[in-house]
Amino acid sequence: MSKDFHRQLRVADQIQRELADLLRHEIKDPRLGKITITAVEVSRDYAYAKVFYTALDNQENSSLIEKALAKASGHLRSTLSKRIKLRVVPQLIFTYDQSIEHGAYLSRLIDEAVAQEKKDNS
């Protein structure tokens, strides 16, 4: 692995921590109260950061949350520039992360299959 790759991971991790803190303490939008930053991927040139989030509510509100995040992205980027010392602070691109819901769905399918198997063997 190259040295630059490790730096990308460290920068992404730092951005994730700072964004979580900013959303928890500084952003007062009620639509953003129940979201979690699950991961951040930074481009090689540090121009873009893809921020993955999930909502503790249901997925129906994801469009409202995405609009609120898009509205707050300028303020978040500006505040990040003060907290993280980078030459270029990446533009934030927010993407809804469906992995948790997908995992819960698969777990439910497995539980149903096991229950059906027990029922058939009885």
C-alpha atoms as a PDB file:
ATOM      1  CA  MET A   1       0.000   0.000   0.000  1.00  0.00           C
ATOM      2  CA  SER A   2       1.232   3.416  -0.808  1.00  0.00           C
ATOM      3  CA  LYS A   3       1.810   6.051   1.802  1.00  0.00           C
ATOM      4  CA  ASP A   4      -0.786   8.308   0.168  1.00  0.00           C
ATOM      5  CA  PHE A   5      -3.480   5.633   0.569  1.00  0.00           C
ATOM      6  CA  HIS A   6      -2.959   5.587   4.334  1.00  0.00           C
ATOM      7  CA  ARG A   7      -3.288   9.369   4.386  1.00  0.00           C
ATOM      8  CA  GLN A   8      -6.559   9.147   2.466  1.00  0.00           C
ATOM      9  CA  LEU A   9      -7.923   6.776   5.096  1.00  0.00           C
ATOM     10  CA  ARG A  10      -6.792   9.018   7.950  1.00  0.00           C
ATOM     11  CA  VAL A  11      -8.333  12.096   6.314  1.00  0.00           C
ATOM     12  CA  ALA A  12     -11.587  10.216   5.656  1.00  0.00           C
ATOM     13  CA  ASP A  13     -11.692   9.020   9.257  1.00  0.00           C
ATOM     14  CA  GLN A  14     -11.064  12.523  10.584  1.00  0.00           C
ATOM     15  CA  ILE A  15     -13.783  13.976   8.334  1.00  0.00           C
ATOM     16  CA  GLN A  16     -16.217  11.324   9.570  1.00  0.00           C
ATOM     17  CA  ARG A  17     -15.525  12.144  13.225  1.00  0.00           C
ATOM     18  CA  GLU A  18     -15.743  15.898  12.690  1.00  0.00           C
ATOM     19  CA  LEU A  19     -18.967  15.685  10.663  1.00  0.00           C
ATOM     20  CA  ALA A  20     -20.578  13.501  13.312  1.00  0.00           C
ATOM     21  CA  ASP A  21     -19.612  16.048  15.962  1.00  0.00           C
ATOM     22  CA  LEU A  22     -20.852  18.971  13.852  1.00  0.00           C
ATOM     23  CA  LEU A  23     -24.189  17.309  13.137  1.00  0.00           C
ATOM     24  CA  ARG A  24     -24.635  16.470  16.797  1.00  0.00           C
ATOM     25  CA  HIS A  25     -23.682  19.853  18.283  1.00  0.00           C
ATOM     26  CA  GLU A  26     -23.890  22.649  15.718  1.00  0.00           C
ATOM     27  CA  ILE A  27     -26.556  21.886  13.123  1.00  0.00           C
ATOM     28  CA  LYS A  28     -29.984  22.690  14.536  1.00  0.00           C
ATOM     29  CA  ASP A  29     -32.078  21.332  11.657  1.00  0.00           C
ATOM     30  CA  PRO A  30     -34.574  18.841  13.161  1.00  0.00           C
ATOM     31  CA  ARG A  31     -34.464  16.721   9.979  1.00  0.00           C
ATOM     32  CA  LEU A  32     -30.815  15.919  10.740  1.00  0.00           C
ATOM     33  CA  GLY A  33     -31.312  14.943  14.358  1.00  0.00           C
ATOM     34  CA  LYS A  34     -31.401  11.200  13.847  1.00  0.00           C
ATOM     35  CA  ILE A  35     -28.747  10.443  11.251  1.00  0.00           C
ATOM     36  CA  THR A  36     -25.477   8.604  11.586  1.00  0.00           C
ATOM     37  CA  ILE A  37     -22.403   9.042   9.405  1.00  0.00           C
ATOM     38  CA  THR A  38     -21.429   5.458   8.532  1.00  0.00           C
ATOM     39  CA  ALA A  39     -18.418   6.042   6.270  1.00  0.00           C
ATOM     40  CA  VAL A  40     -16.473   8.624   4.279  1.00  0.00           C
ATOM     41  CA  GLU A  41     -14.519   8.014   1.079  1.00  0.00           C
ATOM     42  CA  VAL A  42     -12.086  10.715  -0.044  1.00  0.00           C
ATOM     43  CA  SER A  43     -10.958  11.018  -3.661  1.00  0.00           C
ATOM     44  CA  ARG A  44      -7.240  10.725  -4.428  1.00  0.00           C
ATOM     45  CA  ASP A  45      -6.896  14.467  -5.040  1.00  0.00           C
ATOM     46  CA  TYR A  46      -8.931  15.325  -1.905  1.00  0.00           C
ATOM     47  CA  ALA A  47     -11.379  17.345  -3.999  1.00  0.00           C
ATOM     48  CA  TYR A  48     -14.422  15.258  -3.092  1.00  0.00           C
ATOM     49  CA  ALA A  49     -15.570  13.326  -0.059  1.00  0.00           C
ATOM     50  CA  LYS A  50     -18.433  10.896  -0.426  1.00  0.00           C
ATOM     51  CA  VAL A  51     -20.211  10.844   2.927  1.00  0.00           C
ATOM     52  CA  PHE A  52     -22.428   7.832   3.617  1.00  0.00           C
ATOM     53  CA  TYR A  53     -25.189   8.275   6.170  1.00  0.00           C
ATOM     54  CA  THR A  54     -28.089   6.296   7.513  1.00  0.00           C
ATOM     55  CA  ALA A  55     -31.239   7.505   9.207  1.00  0.00           C
ATOM     56  CA  LEU A  56     -32.438   6.044  12.466  1.00  0.00           C
ATOM     57  CA  ASP A  57     -35.948   6.763  11.240  1.00  0.00           C
ATOM     58  CA  ASN A  58     -37.322   4.991   8.218  1.00  0.00           C
ATOM     59  CA  GLN A  59     -36.156   5.468   4.635  1.00  0.00           C
ATOM     60  CA  GLU A  60     -39.216   7.548   3.634  1.00  0.00           C
ATOM     61  CA  ASN A  61     -37.595  10.651   5.127  1.00  0.00           C
ATOM     62  CA  SER A  62     -34.327  10.140   3.232  1.00  0.00           C
ATOM     63  CA  SER A  63     -35.244  12.705   0.547  1.00  0.00           C
ATOM     64  CA  LEU A  64     -35.934  15.329   3.229  1.00  0.00           C
ATOM     65  CA  ILE A  65     -32.711  14.458   4.992  1.00  0.00           C
ATOM     66  CA  GLU A  66     -30.765  14.613   1.728  1.00  0.00           C
ATOM     67  CA  LYS A  67     -32.163  18.098   1.006  1.00  0.00           C
ATOM     68  CA  ALA A  68     -31.251  19.248   4.521  1.00  0.00           C
ATOM     69  CA  LEU A  69     -27.713  17.870   4.153  1.00  0.00           C
ATOM     70  CA  ALA A  70     -27.315  19.549   0.767  1.00  0.00           C
ATOM     71  CA  LYS A  71     -28.435  22.836   2.318  1.00  0.00           C
ATOM     72  CA  ALA A  72     -26.022  22.459   5.243  1.00  0.00           C
ATOM     73  CA  SER A  73     -23.067  21.186   3.180  1.00  0.00           C
ATOM     74  CA  GLY A  74     -21.567  24.654   2.662  1.00  0.00           C
ATOM     75  CA  HIS A  75     -21.597  25.406   6.373  1.00  0.00           C
ATOM     76  CA  LEU A  76     -20.253  21.937   7.183  1.00  0.00           C
ATOM     77  CA  ARG A  77     -17.408  22.323   4.678  1.00  0.00           C
ATOM     78  CA  SER A  78     -16.555  25.771   5.990  1.00  0.00           C
ATOM     79  CA  THR A  79     -16.464  24.550   9.575  1.00  0.00           C
ATOM     80  CA  LEU A  80     -14.409  21.515   8.541  1.00  0.00           C
ATOM     81  CA  SER A  81     -11.828  23.860   7.023  1.00  0.00           C
ATOM     82  CA  LYS A  82     -11.373  25.449  10.444  1.00  0.00           C
ATOM     83  CA  ARG A  83     -11.124  22.123  12.273  1.00  0.00           C
ATOM     84  CA  ILE A  84      -8.972  20.150   9.829  1.00  0.00           C
ATOM     85  CA  LYS A  85      -5.769  21.559   8.425  1.00  0.00           C
ATOM     86  CA  LEU A  86      -5.888  20.630   4.747  1.00  0.00           C
ATOM     87  CA  ARG A  87      -4.823  22.608   1.728  1.00  0.00           C
ATOM     88  CA  VAL A  88      -8.103  21.734   0.018  1.00  0.00           C
ATOM     89  CA  VAL A  89     -11.185  20.792   2.020  1.00  0.00           C
ATOM     90  CA  PRO A  90     -13.184  18.292  -0.038  1.00  0.00           C
ATOM     91  CA  GLN A  91     -16.599  19.051  -1.447  1.00  0.00           C
ATOM     92  CA  LEU A  92     -19.088  16.945   0.502  1.00  0.00           C
ATOM     93  CA  ILE A  93     -21.340  14.564  -1.413  1.00  0.00           C
ATOM     94  CA  PHE A  94     -23.959  12.885   0.772  1.00  0.00           C
ATOM     95  CA  THR A  95     -25.197   9.395  -0.118  1.00  0.00           C
ATOM     96  CA  TYR A  96     -27.788   7.343   1.730  1.00  0.00           C
ATOM     97  CA  ASP A  97     -26.277   4.084   3.011  1.00  0.00           C
ATOM     98  CA  GLN A  98     -28.692   1.171   2.693  1.00  0.00           C
ATOM     99  CA  SER A  99     -26.324  -1.482   4.044  1.00  0.00           C
ATOM    100  CA  ILE A 100     -27.870  -1.560   7.530  1.00  0.00           C
ATOM    101  CA  GLU A 101     -31.391  -1.985   6.166  1.00  0.00           C
ATOM    102  CA  HIS A 102     -30.152  -4.613   3.722  1.00  0.00           C
ATOM    103  CA  GLY A 103     -28.419  -6.505   6.530  1.00  0.00           C
ATOM    104  CA  ALA A 104     -31.584  -6.433   8.653  1.00  0.00           C
ATOM    105  CA  TYR A 105     -33.599  -7.703   5.684  1.00  0.00           C
ATOM    106  CA  LEU A 106     -31.184 -10.594   5.111  1.00  0.00           C
ATOM    107  CA  SER A 107     -31.188 -11.437   8.816  1.00  0.00           C
ATOM    108  CA  ARG A 108     -34.986 -11.510   8.807  1.00  0.00           C
ATOM    109  CA  LEU A 109     -34.972 -13.844   5.777  1.00  0.00           C
ATOM    110  CA  ILE A 110     -32.536 -16.198   7.511  1.00  0.00           C
ATOM    111  CA  ASP A 111     -34.650 -16.222  10.680  1.00  0.00           C
ATOM    112  CA  GLU A 112     -37.770 -17.015   8.653  1.00  0.00           C
ATOM    113  CA  ALA A 113     -35.983 -19.837   6.801  1.00  0.00           C
ATOM    114  CA  VAL A 114     -34.729 -21.348  10.078  1.00  0.00           C
ATOM    115  CA  ALA A 115     -38.213 -21.114  11.596  1.00  0.00           C
ATOM    116  CA  GLN A 116     -39.729 -22.744   8.499  1.00  0.00           C
ATOM    117  CA  GLU A 117     -37.101 -25.517   8.621  1.00  0.00           C
ATOM    118  CA  LYS A 118     -37.900 -26.223  12.289  1.00  0.00           C
ATOM    119  CA  LYS A 119     -41.617 -26.233  11.488  1.00  0.00           C
ATOM    120  CA  ASP A 120     -41.134 -28.677   8.585  1.00  0.00           C
ATOM    121  CA  ASN A 121     -38.987 -31.047  10.693  1.00  0.00           C
ATOM    122  CA  SER A 122     -41.524 -31.115  13.546  1.00  0.00           C
END
